Amino acid sequence: MPPMPPETTTQQRADVIHNIGYRHYDGPRLGRAYARRSLFSQSLRGAYGLGRSAKSKVAPMLLAAVMCVPAIILVSVTVVTKGDQLPVQYTRYAIIMQAVIGLYTAAQAPQSVSRDLRFKTIPLYFSRPIEAMDYVTAKFAAMASALFALTAAPLVIMYAGALLAKLDFADQTKSFAQGLVSVLLLSLLFAGISLVIAALTPRRGFGVAAVIAVLTISYGAVSTLQAIAYDQANTGAVSWIGLFSPITIIDGVQTAFLGASSAFPGGYGPGTGAGLVYLLVLLGLIAGSYGLLLRRYRKVGL
């Protein structure tokens, strides 16, 4: 009869507990607010390539420099010629430089959200004490803040130069404040639209192309239709056509409420009544973009 297996020895080996060094976490539980702030900070830094490779810093820093160089030139001309006003209004600067703003937005909005979608890390975010609203709020705020920094920096340069040239302090301060309000609204609108577009695809290249198409094609189409309406002496239609492009919506709002001169053909910007429609459309697009992002990430996070 064969000997019985050494059950006692096998049982003893199976019952051995190995200490591999895991320890219980006894630190502070920082919660949703800390996670939201961290995500905001990371996304804002990433919009300028900070904390990433040197290659990632080239495009945003170059575009930021391109935004500021014309402002430096304008200030230099005003100081040297001792002019009594700046060559370009604060509210007009972003309209002139909208191509650069569009390129920056198209490059950085997909960078902010596409990688999380591509590598399916969204559920990992939501496994922590944050929700879809926290993620969307942090990303939206970071993108809007990055755009505000991009568009406000040249205005600060112009304001400092105006004071250096000893232009009227009260007048320059009022115009500077109006310019800041204008670029704040622009930043919120562009951030919302670009993030919604970028969040539809995990492919960063597709997101870049789609954002450029929406911002550029819409502006080109609206400008063309406005020029046709102006040539046909249909000046009333010029202002209403402007409702179909993000940058012309900003132009209409600042023309109606911020004392800006309109870039529309013939200067036929909206009056107060039409300006209210522009403002409602602007606020509706910002709120609608946030709502669409929230709906998108509630679905993606499942």
Protein backbone atom coordinates (compact mmCIF):
# COMPACT_ATOMS: atom_id res chain seq x y z
CA MET A 1 0.00 0.00 0.00
CA PRO A 2 1.55 3.39 -1.06
CA PRO A 3 2.43 5.85 1.69
CA MET A 4 0.03 8.74 2.37
CA PRO A 5 1.11 12.23 1.10
CA PRO A 6 2.56 14.53 3.71
CA GLU A 7 -0.65 16.53 4.22
CA THR A 8 0.64 18.25 7.26
CA THR A 9 3.65 19.66 5.43
CA THR A 10 1.55 20.78 2.41
CA GLN A 11 -1.03 22.42 4.65
CA GLN A 12 1.66 24.25 6.55
CA ARG A 13 3.15 25.60 3.30
CA ALA A 14 -0.28 26.81 2.04
CA ASP A 15 -0.94 28.67 5.25
CA VAL A 16 2.21 30.79 5.11
CA ILE A 17 1.49 34.56 4.95
CA HIS A 18 4.14 36.60 3.16
CA ASN A 19 4.63 40.22 4.20
CA ILE A 20 5.30 42.11 0.93
CA GLY A 21 5.33 45.57 2.43
CA TYR A 22 1.80 46.94 1.81
CA ARG A 23 0.75 49.51 4.37
CA HIS A 24 -2.60 51.08 5.11
CA TYR A 25 -2.88 54.73 4.00
CA ASP A 26 -3.25 56.96 7.05
CA GLY A 27 -2.83 60.33 5.30
CA PRO A 28 -5.44 63.03 4.71
CA ARG A 29 -8.36 62.43 2.35
CA LEU A 30 -8.24 65.53 0.16
CA GLY A 31 -11.48 64.82 -1.71
CA ARG A 32 -13.09 66.16 -4.87
CA ALA A 33 -12.03 69.79 -4.54
CA TYR A 34 -8.34 68.88 -4.44
CA ALA A 35 -8.72 66.48 -7.37
CA ARG A 36 -10.56 69.14 -9.38
CA ARG A 37 -7.87 71.75 -8.66
CA SER A 38 -5.12 69.30 -9.58
CA LEU A 39 -6.81 68.42 -12.87
CA PHE A 40 -7.29 72.12 -13.65
CA SER A 41 -3.65 72.92 -12.89
CA GLN A 42 -2.36 69.98 -14.92
CA SER A 43 -4.56 70.87 -17.91
CA LEU A 44 -3.63 74.56 -17.79
CA ARG A 45 0.09 73.77 -17.65
CA GLY A 46 -0.34 71.27 -20.48
CA ALA A 47 -1.94 73.95 -22.67
CA TYR A 48 1.47 75.66 -22.78
CA GLY A 49 3.54 72.48 -22.80
CA LEU A 50 4.71 72.89 -19.20
CA GLY A 51 5.60 69.60 -17.59
CA ARG A 52 5.82 67.96 -21.01
CA SER A 53 8.56 67.46 -23.58
CA ALA A 54 10.41 70.38 -25.17
CA LYS A 55 8.69 69.61 -28.48
CA SER A 56 5.28 70.16 -26.85
CA LYS A 57 6.27 73.67 -25.78
CA VAL A 58 7.23 74.94 -29.24
CA ALA A 59 3.80 75.54 -30.79
CA PRO A 60 2.00 77.19 -27.82
CA MET A 61 4.98 79.37 -26.90
CA LEU A 62 5.50 80.40 -30.52
CA LEU A 63 1.85 81.34 -30.94
CA ALA A 64 1.92 83.28 -27.65
CA ALA A 65 4.93 85.22 -28.96
CA VAL A 66 3.17 85.90 -32.26
CA MET A 67 0.19 87.27 -30.32
CA CYS A 68 2.39 89.68 -28.35
CA VAL A 69 4.80 90.96 -31.01
CA PRO A 70 2.26 93.19 -32.83
CA ALA A 71 1.27 94.73 -29.50
CA ILE A 72 4.91 95.58 -28.78
CA ILE A 73 5.21 97.17 -32.23
CA LEU A 74 2.05 99.23 -31.71
CA VAL A 75 3.31 100.47 -28.36
CA SER A 76 6.74 101.31 -29.81
CA VAL A 77 5.18 103.32 -32.64
CA THR A 78 2.97 105.23 -30.20
CA VAL A 79 5.87 106.07 -27.88
CA VAL A 80 8.28 107.09 -30.68
CA THR A 81 5.76 109.20 -32.59
CA LYS A 82 4.24 110.60 -29.38
CA GLY A 83 0.76 109.77 -30.62
CA ASP A 84 -2.33 110.74 -28.65
CA GLN A 85 -3.91 107.26 -28.93
CA LEU A 86 -3.02 103.67 -29.72
CA PRO A 87 -3.30 102.70 -33.42
CA VAL A 88 -5.60 99.76 -32.56
CA GLN A 89 -8.41 99.58 -30.00
CA TYR A 90 -8.11 97.06 -27.17
CA THR A 91 -11.37 95.43 -28.26
CA ARG A 92 -10.20 95.21 -31.88
CA TYR A 93 -6.90 93.44 -31.23
CA ALA A 94 -8.32 89.92 -30.75
CA ILE A 95 -10.48 90.31 -33.85
CA ILE A 96 -7.40 91.16 -35.92
CA MET A 97 -5.44 88.26 -34.43
CA GLN A 98 -8.28 85.73 -34.58
CA ALA A 99 -6.35 83.45 -36.95
CA VAL A 100 -3.59 82.98 -34.36
CA ILE A 101 -6.18 82.42 -31.62
CA GLY A 102 -7.92 79.84 -33.79
CA LEU A 103 -4.66 77.95 -34.43
CA TYR A 104 -3.84 77.88 -30.73
CA THR A 105 -7.33 76.68 -29.86
CA ALA A 106 -7.25 73.98 -32.53
CA ALA A 107 -3.88 72.71 -31.31
CA GLN A 108 -4.53 72.69 -27.57
CA ALA A 109 -8.20 71.71 -27.17
CA PRO A 110 -7.68 68.19 -28.60
CA GLN A 111 -4.48 67.86 -26.54
CA SER A 112 -6.52 68.52 -23.42
CA VAL A 113 -9.09 65.77 -23.95
CA SER A 114 -8.10 63.44 -26.80
CA ARG A 115 -5.46 61.42 -24.95
CA ASP A 116 -7.85 60.55 -22.13
CA LEU A 117 -10.36 59.33 -24.70
CA ARG A 118 -7.79 57.50 -26.81
CA PHE A 119 -6.23 55.58 -23.94
CA LYS A 120 -9.59 55.07 -22.17
CA THR A 121 -8.45 56.61 -18.88
CA ILE A 122 -11.73 58.42 -18.19
CA PRO A 123 -13.13 55.56 -16.03
CA LEU A 124 -9.94 55.73 -13.97
CA TYR A 125 -10.59 59.40 -13.23
CA PHE A 126 -14.13 58.61 -12.15
CA SER A 127 -12.99 55.74 -9.94
CA ARG A 128 -11.58 58.47 -7.70
CA PRO A 129 -13.78 60.85 -5.69
CA ILE A 130 -14.57 63.04 -8.71
CA GLU A 131 -17.53 62.98 -11.06
CA ALA A 132 -18.14 63.92 -14.66
CA MET A 133 -19.03 67.47 -13.62
CA ASP A 134 -15.66 67.89 -11.88
CA TYR A 135 -13.77 66.65 -14.94
CA VAL A 136 -15.69 68.86 -17.37
CA THR A 137 -15.46 71.93 -15.12
CA ALA A 138 -11.69 71.53 -14.70
CA LYS A 139 -11.06 71.01 -18.41
CA PHE A 140 -13.38 73.86 -19.46
CA ALA A 141 -11.88 76.28 -16.92
CA ALA A 142 -8.32 75.31 -17.87
CA MET A 143 -8.88 75.81 -21.60
CA ALA A 144 -10.67 79.12 -21.05
CA SER A 145 -7.90 80.31 -18.71
CA ALA A 146 -5.22 79.36 -21.25
CA LEU A 147 -7.04 81.30 -23.97
CA PHE A 148 -7.57 84.27 -21.66
CA ALA A 149 -3.84 84.36 -20.87
CA LEU A 150 -3.08 84.23 -24.60
CA THR A 151 -5.48 87.06 -25.51
CA ALA A 152 -5.06 89.27 -22.44
CA ALA A 153 -1.24 89.36 -22.48
CA PRO A 154 -1.01 91.68 -25.53
CA LEU A 155 -3.67 93.94 -24.02
CA VAL A 156 -1.57 94.27 -20.88
CA ILE A 157 1.41 95.21 -23.05
CA MET A 158 -0.68 97.83 -24.87
CA TYR A 159 -2.00 99.26 -21.61
CA ALA A 160 1.48 99.50 -20.09
CA GLY A 161 2.75 101.15 -23.26
CA ALA A 162 -0.15 103.61 -23.29
CA LEU A 163 0.66 104.68 -19.75
CA LEU A 164 4.35 104.91 -20.67
CA ALA A 165 3.37 107.18 -23.57
CA LYS A 166 1.44 109.30 -21.04
CA LEU A 167 -1.95 108.82 -22.68
CA ASP A 168 -5.05 109.69 -20.68
CA PHE A 169 -5.16 107.32 -17.70
CA ALA A 170 -8.95 107.20 -17.23
CA ASP A 171 -9.66 106.69 -20.92
CA GLN A 172 -7.02 103.95 -21.28
CA THR A 173 -8.15 102.15 -18.13
CA LYS A 174 -11.76 102.10 -19.29
CA SER A 175 -10.81 100.84 -22.76
CA PHE A 176 -8.44 98.26 -21.26
CA ALA A 177 -11.22 96.94 -18.99
CA GLN A 178 -13.58 96.69 -21.96
CA GLY A 179 -10.92 94.76 -23.87
CA LEU A 180 -10.49 92.31 -20.98
CA VAL A 181 -14.24 91.66 -20.86
CA SER A 182 -14.23 91.05 -24.61
CA VAL A 183 -11.38 88.51 -24.54
CA LEU A 184 -12.89 86.80 -21.50
CA LEU A 185 -16.10 86.18 -23.43
CA LEU A 186 -14.06 85.07 -26.45
CA SER A 187 -12.07 82.64 -24.29
CA LEU A 188 -15.18 81.05 -22.83
CA LEU A 189 -16.83 80.71 -26.24
CA PHE A 190 -13.81 79.31 -28.05
CA ALA A 191 -13.00 76.95 -25.18
CA GLY A 192 -16.52 75.54 -25.12
CA ILE A 193 -16.87 75.04 -28.87
CA SER A 194 -13.38 73.56 -29.34
CA LEU A 195 -13.66 71.14 -26.40
CA VAL A 196 -17.02 69.85 -27.62
CA ILE A 197 -15.56 69.19 -31.07
CA ALA A 198 -12.37 67.62 -29.68
CA ALA A 199 -14.32 65.39 -27.28
CA LEU A 200 -16.14 63.73 -30.17
CA THR A 201 -13.04 61.85 -31.35
CA PRO A 202 -10.03 60.25 -29.64
CA ARG A 203 -7.90 61.10 -32.68
CA ARG A 204 -6.00 64.31 -31.97
CA GLY A 205 -5.38 65.01 -35.66
CA PHE A 206 -9.06 64.78 -36.50
CA GLY A 207 -9.86 67.09 -33.59
CA VAL A 208 -7.35 69.70 -34.75
CA ALA A 209 -8.71 69.66 -38.30
CA ALA A 210 -12.34 69.83 -37.11
CA VAL A 211 -11.73 72.81 -34.80
CA ILE A 212 -9.87 74.70 -37.54
CA ALA A 213 -12.67 73.95 -40.00
CA VAL A 214 -15.43 75.16 -37.67
CA LEU A 215 -13.66 78.37 -36.63
CA THR A 216 -12.17 79.23 -40.02
CA ILE A 217 -14.83 78.11 -42.48
CA SER A 218 -17.64 79.70 -40.48
CA TYR A 219 -15.78 83.02 -40.35
CA GLY A 220 -14.95 82.90 -44.07
CA ALA A 221 -18.53 82.06 -45.02
CA VAL A 222 -20.02 84.76 -42.78
CA SER A 223 -17.57 87.40 -44.01
CA THR A 224 -18.37 86.54 -47.62
CA LEU A 225 -22.13 86.72 -47.07
CA GLN A 226 -21.78 90.01 -45.20
CA ALA A 227 -19.75 91.48 -48.06
CA ILE A 228 -22.40 90.39 -50.56
CA ALA A 229 -25.19 91.89 -48.43
CA TYR A 230 -23.24 95.15 -48.08
CA ASP A 231 -22.59 95.38 -51.84
CA GLN A 232 -26.30 94.90 -52.44
CA ALA A 233 -27.07 97.72 -49.97
CA ASN A 234 -28.80 95.27 -47.62
CA THR A 235 -27.11 96.72 -44.55
CA GLY A 236 -29.73 95.36 -42.19
CA ALA A 237 -28.73 91.80 -43.02
CA VAL A 238 -25.04 92.44 -42.35
CA SER A 239 -25.42 92.38 -38.58
CA TRP A 240 -27.76 89.35 -38.48
CA ILE A 241 -25.46 87.24 -40.65
CA GLY A 242 -22.79 87.73 -37.99
CA LEU A 243 -24.67 85.40 -35.65
CA PHE A 244 -23.31 82.37 -37.51
CA SER A 245 -19.62 82.61 -36.65
CA PRO A 246 -17.98 82.60 -33.20
CA ILE A 247 -15.61 85.51 -33.83
CA THR A 248 -18.33 87.69 -35.39
CA ILE A 249 -20.58 86.98 -32.40
CA ILE A 250 -17.85 88.43 -30.17
CA ASP A 251 -17.55 91.39 -32.56
CA GLY A 252 -21.30 92.01 -32.35
CA VAL A 253 -21.42 91.85 -28.54
CA GLN A 254 -18.51 94.22 -28.03
CA THR A 255 -19.88 96.61 -30.66
CA ALA A 256 -23.25 96.76 -28.91
CA PHE A 257 -22.10 96.89 -25.29
CA LEU A 258 -18.35 97.61 -25.02
CA GLY A 259 -17.99 100.69 -27.19
CA ALA A 260 -16.01 98.91 -29.90
CA SER A 261 -16.01 99.81 -33.55
CA SER A 262 -17.40 96.98 -35.66
CA ALA A 263 -15.26 95.02 -38.11
CA PHE A 264 -18.37 94.25 -40.19
CA PRO A 265 -18.46 95.66 -43.74
CA GLY A 266 -19.19 99.36 -43.58
CA GLY A 267 -19.05 99.22 -39.80
CA TYR A 268 -22.69 98.07 -39.68
CA GLY A 269 -22.55 96.29 -36.35
CA PRO A 270 -25.64 95.43 -34.32
CA GLY A 271 -27.48 98.05 -32.32
CA THR A 272 -28.72 97.56 -28.77
CA GLY A 273 -31.70 95.40 -29.78
CA ALA A 274 -29.72 93.10 -32.04
CA GLY A 275 -26.90 93.23 -29.51
CA LEU A 276 -29.15 91.60 -26.93
CA VAL A 277 -29.75 88.75 -29.38
CA TYR A 278 -25.98 88.44 -29.87
CA LEU A 279 -25.46 88.32 -26.12
CA LEU A 280 -28.14 85.67 -25.63
CA VAL A 281 -26.67 83.56 -28.44
CA LEU A 282 -23.19 83.94 -26.92
CA LEU A 283 -24.31 82.89 -23.43
CA GLY A 284 -26.41 80.08 -24.91
CA LEU A 285 -23.44 78.69 -26.83
CA ILE A 286 -21.22 78.77 -23.74
CA ALA A 287 -23.83 77.09 -21.54
CA GLY A 288 -24.78 74.65 -24.31
CA SER A 289 -21.14 73.66 -24.83
CA TYR A 290 -20.75 72.94 -21.14
CA GLY A 291 -23.95 70.88 -21.14
CA LEU A 292 -22.87 68.86 -24.19
CA LEU A 293 -19.49 68.16 -22.61
CA LEU A 294 -21.16 67.02 -19.41
CA ARG A 295 -23.46 64.69 -21.33
CA ARG A 296 -20.53 63.34 -23.35
CA TYR A 297 -18.41 62.49 -20.32
CA ARG A 298 -21.25 60.98 -18.37
CA LYS A 299 -21.58 58.52 -21.25
CA VAL A 300 -17.82 57.98 -21.75
CA GLY A 301 -17.21 57.40 -18.05
CA LEU A 302 -19.50 54.37 -17.86
